[in-house]
C-alpha cells in the first residue's frame, strides 16, 4: 500500500537545506525540509504518511538521499576546480619557460652586438696594419712577413667570429618560435581537440626535453585507448635528447577532461600501461 510521496533518486526540492540524519520528525517543519511554503504545504498535506513511524522513516530516508546528492555535488565541484588549477599551473610553467627563453635571446643579441663591434675594431686594425706593412715593405722584409702572419691569424679569427655570430642568430630565433608554438599548443589543449576523445595528454617529457609533437600525443592517446604498454625508448618518443645517457620520461594525462591529472613515468628501457578508466 502506498503510504505517501517517495522522492526519486537525485531529487532536490527548490531552496533545499541539508539536515543531519537522525533528526526526529517532530522537529522537521515544512520550512526546514523544503524552504518553500507552497511546495511544503502540498507535500505535508497530500503526500506525507499519516503514521508517526511511517512519517519518521519517510523524512529520514528523504534527508539521507538529499544529503548524499549534496555531498556528491560538492565533491564533483572540488575535483573540477582542482583540475582547472592544475591546467593553469601547467600553462604558467610553460609561460615562465618562454620568458626565460626571451631573456636568453636578449642576452644572445647583446653578445652578437658585442662580437660585431669586435669585428669592426679588428677590421680597422687590420686595415691599419696592412697600410703599415705596405709602407715598411721596402725596408724590412722580415717585418713584412711577420705582419702578414699576424694579419692571417686575425683574419681567421674575424672569419670564425663572423660565422659563429651568423649561425647563432637563426638558432636562437628558431628556438624562440618553437617555444611560442608550444605555448599556443598547450593553451589550446585545455580539452581534447578530437570529438569524442576521452584521453587528454597534458605534456610529455623525455630526458631533459619537453615534447610537443602532435603525432606523439596522438600515439599516446592510442596506447591509452587500447590499454597497450608504453615503451620508454628513443624510438617511441622520436628523439634522443641525451645521447649516451640513460634517460627517464613522464607522460601527464587525464580522462574525460576532469578529475586529477595522472602521471606515467618510467626509466629508459622499461614499459608500462596507463591507469584504468575511472
Protein backbone atom coordinates (compact mmCIF):
# COMPACT_ATOMS: atom_id res chain seq x y z
CA UNK A 1 0.00 0.00 0.00
CA UNK A 2 1.30 3.47 -0.92
CA UNK A 3 1.82 5.49 2.29
CA UNK A 4 2.94 8.73 0.64
CA UNK A 5 5.32 10.50 -1.70
CA UNK A 6 8.82 8.95 -2.16
CA UNK A 7 11.28 11.38 -3.85
CA UNK A 8 13.11 9.87 -6.85
CA UNK A 9 16.90 9.39 -6.72
CA UNK A 10 18.72 12.71 -7.17
CA UNK A 11 15.58 14.82 -6.44
CA UNK A 12 16.43 18.15 -4.75
CA UNK A 13 13.49 20.47 -3.89
CA UNK A 14 13.86 24.26 -4.50
CA UNK A 15 15.78 26.09 -1.77
CA UNK A 16 16.63 22.75 -0.13
CA UNK A 17 18.67 22.94 3.09
CA UNK A 18 20.50 19.66 4.08
CA UNK A 19 19.79 18.27 7.56
CA UNK A 20 21.62 15.73 9.59
CA UNK A 21 20.33 12.17 9.62
CA UNK A 22 18.50 11.07 12.72
CA UNK A 23 16.54 14.35 13.22
CA UNK A 24 13.17 13.48 14.84
CA UNK A 25 10.26 14.08 12.53
CA UNK A 26 8.63 16.18 15.27
CA UNK A 27 11.41 18.74 14.74
CA UNK A 28 11.07 18.80 10.91
CA UNK A 29 8.84 21.65 9.77
CA UNK A 30 7.69 22.30 6.24
CA UNK A 31 10.10 25.26 6.01
CA UNK A 32 13.08 23.20 7.20
CA UNK A 33 12.51 20.43 4.65
CA UNK A 34 11.81 22.47 1.51
CA UNK A 35 12.27 26.16 2.42
CA UNK A 36 9.34 26.67 0.06
CA UNK A 37 6.00 27.24 1.82
CA UNK A 38 3.75 26.35 -1.12
CA UNK A 39 5.52 23.11 -2.07
CA UNK A 40 6.00 22.15 1.58
CA UNK A 41 2.32 22.65 2.31
CA UNK A 42 1.30 20.48 -0.64
CA UNK A 43 3.68 17.67 0.32
CA UNK A 44 2.78 17.79 4.00
CA UNK A 45 -0.99 17.72 3.35
CA UNK A 46 -1.14 15.42 0.33
CA UNK A 47 1.86 13.06 0.44
CA UNK A 48 3.21 12.65 3.99
CA UNK A 49 2.11 9.33 5.57
CA UNK A 50 -0.29 9.54 8.49
CA UNK A 51 1.52 7.03 10.75
CA UNK A 52 4.17 8.51 13.09
CA UNK A 53 6.65 5.74 12.37
CA UNK A 54 6.00 5.98 8.63
CA UNK A 55 6.44 9.74 8.80
CA UNK A 56 9.75 9.36 10.64
CA UNK A 57 11.02 6.77 8.10
CA UNK A 58 9.86 8.88 5.13
CA UNK A 59 11.58 12.02 6.44
CA UNK A 60 14.77 10.18 7.41
CA UNK A 61 15.08 8.47 4.02
CA UNK A 62 14.41 11.71 2.14
CA UNK A 63 17.04 13.61 4.15
CA UNK A 64 19.64 10.90 3.61
CA UNK A 65 19.09 10.96 -0.16
CA UNK A 66 19.19 14.74 -0.30
CA UNK A 67 22.36 14.92 1.81
CA UNK A 68 24.04 12.30 -0.38
CA UNK A 69 23.23 14.33 -3.53
CA UNK A 70 24.56 17.49 -1.87
CA UNK A 71 27.81 15.77 -0.81
CA UNK A 72 28.33 14.31 -4.30
CA UNK A 73 27.79 17.71 -5.93
CA UNK A 74 30.30 19.31 -3.55
CA UNK A 75 32.89 16.62 -4.26
CA UNK A 76 32.45 16.98 -8.06
CA UNK A 77 32.85 20.74 -7.77
CA UNK A 78 36.09 20.43 -5.79
CA UNK A 79 37.53 17.96 -8.33
CA UNK A 80 36.67 20.28 -11.24
CA UNK A 81 38.27 23.26 -9.50
CA UNK A 82 41.46 21.30 -8.78
CA UNK A 83 41.70 20.12 -12.40
CA UNK A 84 41.35 23.73 -13.59
CA UNK A 85 44.07 24.86 -11.16
CA UNK A 86 46.40 22.08 -12.35
CA UNK A 87 45.90 23.08 -16.00
CA UNK A 88 46.53 26.75 -15.17
CA UNK A 89 49.71 25.81 -13.31
CA UNK A 90 51.00 23.94 -16.37
CA UNK A 91 50.23 26.93 -18.63
CA UNK A 92 52.03 29.25 -16.19
CA UNK A 93 55.04 26.90 -16.16
CA UNK A 94 55.35 26.96 -19.95
CA UNK A 95 54.90 30.74 -19.98
CA UNK A 96 57.75 31.02 -17.48
CA UNK A 97 59.90 28.91 -19.83
CA UNK A 98 59.03 31.30 -22.67
CA UNK A 99 60.03 34.31 -20.59
CA UNK A 100 63.31 32.62 -19.75
CA UNK A 101 63.93 31.87 -23.44
CA UNK A 102 63.22 35.50 -24.35
CA UNK A 103 65.73 36.61 -21.72
CA UNK A 104 68.29 34.23 -23.22
CA UNK A 105 67.56 35.64 -26.68
CA UNK A 106 68.11 39.18 -25.43
CA UNK A 107 71.41 38.13 -23.87
CA UNK A 108 72.44 36.41 -27.12
CA UNK A 109 71.58 39.54 -29.10
CA UNK A 110 73.81 41.60 -26.81
CA UNK A 111 76.63 39.11 -27.26
CA UNK A 112 76.20 39.24 -31.06
CA UNK A 113 76.31 43.04 -30.98
CA UNK A 114 79.45 42.91 -28.87
CA UNK A 115 81.03 40.48 -31.32
CA UNK A 116 80.04 42.68 -34.27
CA UNK A 117 81.72 45.63 -32.55
CA UNK A 118 84.82 43.49 -32.02
CA UNK A 119 84.75 42.55 -35.71
CA UNK A 120 84.62 46.20 -36.74
CA UNK A 121 87.50 47.03 -34.40
CA UNK A 122 89.58 44.16 -35.69
CA UNK A 123 88.78 45.15 -39.28
CA UNK A 124 90.01 48.67 -38.66
CA UNK A 125 93.14 47.28 -37.01
CA UNK A 126 93.66 45.00 -39.98
CA UNK A 127 93.40 47.87 -42.43
CA UNK A 128 95.81 49.93 -40.33
CA UNK A 129 98.33 47.12 -40.12
CA UNK A 130 98.06 46.48 -43.85
CA UNK A 131 98.87 50.12 -44.51
CA UNK A 132 101.83 49.98 -42.14
CA UNK A 133 103.05 46.77 -43.72
CA UNK A 134 102.93 48.29 -47.21
CA UNK A 135 104.86 51.34 -46.03
CA UNK A 136 107.55 49.19 -44.37
CA UNK A 137 107.78 46.66 -47.21
CA UNK A 138 110.70 48.36 -48.92
CA UNK A 139 112.92 48.47 -45.80
CA UNK A 140 112.10 45.47 -43.59
CA UNK A 141 111.19 42.23 -45.39
CA UNK A 142 111.20 40.28 -42.16
CA UNK A 143 108.78 42.70 -40.53
CA UNK A 144 106.51 42.36 -43.55
CA UNK A 145 106.44 38.57 -43.23
CA UNK A 146 105.66 38.79 -39.53
CA UNK A 147 102.92 41.29 -40.16
CA UNK A 148 101.39 39.06 -42.83
CA UNK A 149 101.30 36.18 -40.37
CA UNK A 150 99.59 38.30 -37.76
CA UNK A 151 97.11 39.52 -40.35
CA UNK A 152 96.26 35.96 -41.37
CA UNK A 153 95.67 34.96 -37.76
CA UNK A 154 93.43 37.94 -37.15
CA UNK A 155 91.60 37.40 -40.42
CA UNK A 156 90.90 33.79 -39.44
CA UNK A 157 89.66 34.99 -36.06
CA UNK A 158 87.37 37.52 -37.71
CA UNK A 159 86.02 34.87 -40.06
CA UNK A 160 85.36 32.47 -37.19
CA UNK A 161 83.61 35.11 -35.12
CA UNK A 162 81.52 36.19 -38.11
CA UNK A 163 80.40 32.65 -38.91
CA UNK A 164 79.63 31.97 -35.26
CA UNK A 165 77.52 35.12 -34.97
CA UNK A 166 75.62 34.29 -38.16
CA UNK A 167 75.00 30.69 -37.02
CA UNK A 168 73.79 31.65 -33.56
CA UNK A 169 71.18 34.18 -34.63
CA UNK A 170 68.81 31.82 -36.56
CA UNK A 171 69.24 29.11 -33.93
CA UNK A 172 68.07 31.39 -31.16
CA UNK A 173 65.19 32.73 -33.28
CA UNK A 174 64.06 29.21 -34.19
CA UNK A 175 64.12 28.10 -30.55
CA UNK A 176 62.04 31.12 -29.53
CA UNK A 177 59.47 30.39 -32.24
CA UNK A 178 59.31 26.75 -31.18
CA UNK A 179 58.61 27.72 -27.57
CA UNK A 180 55.93 30.17 -28.64
CA UNK A 181 54.24 27.49 -30.74
CA UNK A 182 54.48 25.09 -27.80
CA UNK A 183 52.75 27.59 -25.50
CA UNK A 184 49.94 28.05 -28.03
CA UNK A 185 49.60 24.28 -28.42
CA UNK A 186 49.36 23.76 -24.65
CA UNK A 187 46.88 26.62 -24.15
CA UNK A 188 44.67 25.20 -26.91
CA UNK A 189 44.78 21.71 -25.35
CA UNK A 190 42.58 22.56 -22.35
CA UNK A 191 40.17 19.88 -23.63
CA UNK A 192 40.73 17.09 -26.20
CA UNK A 193 40.51 18.53 -29.71
CA UNK A 194 39.11 15.35 -31.29
CA UNK A 195 35.30 14.95 -30.91
CA UNK A 196 34.52 12.00 -28.65
CA UNK A 197 38.12 11.66 -27.49
CA UNK A 198 38.31 10.66 -23.81
CA UNK A 199 42.05 10.95 -23.24
CA UNK A 200 43.76 14.32 -22.78
CA UNK A 201 47.58 14.24 -22.95
CA UNK A 202 48.75 17.25 -20.93
CA UNK A 203 52.50 17.12 -21.57
CA UNK A 204 55.30 14.67 -22.43
CA UNK A 205 58.85 14.88 -21.09
CA UNK A 206 61.67 12.66 -22.36
CA UNK A 207 65.12 13.07 -20.81
CA UNK A 208 65.53 16.79 -20.18
CA UNK A 209 63.26 17.90 -23.03
CA UNK A 210 59.56 18.83 -23.19
CA UNK A 211 57.98 17.32 -26.33
CA UNK A 212 55.03 18.92 -28.14
CA UNK A 213 54.79 16.84 -31.33
CA UNK A 214 51.10 16.26 -32.14
CA UNK A 215 51.83 12.85 -33.71
CA UNK A 216 53.45 11.73 -30.44
CA UNK A 217 50.40 12.93 -28.46
CA UNK A 218 48.13 11.05 -30.86
CA UNK A 219 50.23 7.91 -30.37
CA UNK A 220 49.97 8.25 -26.57
CA UNK A 221 46.17 8.54 -26.80
CA UNK A 222 46.08 5.44 -28.99
CA UNK A 223 48.10 3.46 -26.44
CA UNK A 224 45.81 4.65 -23.62
CA UNK A 225 42.62 3.73 -25.53
CA UNK A 226 43.93 0.24 -26.34
CA UNK A 227 45.49 -0.44 -22.90
CA UNK A 228 48.88 -1.06 -24.50
CA UNK A 229 52.14 -0.90 -22.56
CA UNK A 230 54.09 2.24 -23.44
CA UNK A 231 57.78 1.53 -24.26
CA UNK A 232 60.02 4.26 -22.86
CA UNK A 233 62.54 4.33 -25.72
CA UNK A 234 64.02 6.85 -28.14
CA UNK A 235 62.05 5.19 -30.95
CA UNK A 236 58.69 5.73 -29.21
CA UNK A 237 59.36 9.38 -28.33
CA UNK A 238 61.01 10.11 -31.67
CA UNK A 239 64.25 11.69 -30.37
CA UNK A 240 67.32 11.23 -28.18
CA UNK A 241 67.84 14.45 -26.19
CA UNK A 242 70.74 12.95 -24.15
CA UNK A 243 72.81 10.59 -26.35
CA UNK A 244 74.82 8.03 -24.41
CA UNK A 245 72.92 8.66 -21.16
CA UNK A 246 70.11 6.57 -19.71
CA UNK A 247 67.02 8.74 -19.50
CA UNK A 248 63.58 8.65 -17.93
CA UNK A 249 60.28 10.02 -19.14
CA UNK A 250 56.92 11.21 -17.86
CA UNK A 251 53.52 11.39 -19.59
CA UNK A 252 50.90 13.56 -17.85
CA UNK A 253 47.32 12.71 -18.84
CA UNK A 254 43.68 12.98 -17.80
CA UNK A 255 40.47 11.13 -18.63
CA UNK A 256 37.32 12.91 -19.90
CA UNK A 257 38.82 16.37 -19.21
CA UNK A 258 38.11 16.16 -15.47
CA UNK A 259 39.50 14.68 -12.29
CA UNK A 260 43.10 14.62 -11.16
CA UNK A 261 45.97 14.69 -13.66
CA UNK A 262 47.70 11.29 -13.73
CA UNK A 263 51.36 10.57 -14.49
CA UNK A 264 53.02 7.61 -16.23
CA UNK A 265 56.77 7.77 -15.54
CA UNK A 266 59.42 5.10 -16.18
CA UNK A 267 63.19 4.88 -16.86
CA UNK A 268 64.52 4.16 -20.34
CA UNK A 269 64.14 0.56 -21.47
CA UNK A 270 61.05 -0.23 -19.38
CA UNK A 271 57.38 -0.17 -20.34
CA UNK A 272 54.06 0.19 -18.58
CA UNK A 273 50.33 0.92 -19.16
CA UNK A 274 48.14 3.91 -18.44
CA UNK A 275 45.88 3.69 -15.37
CA UNK A 276 42.46 2.04 -15.88
CA UNK A 277 39.50 4.19 -16.85
CA UNK A 278 37.81 5.85 -13.87
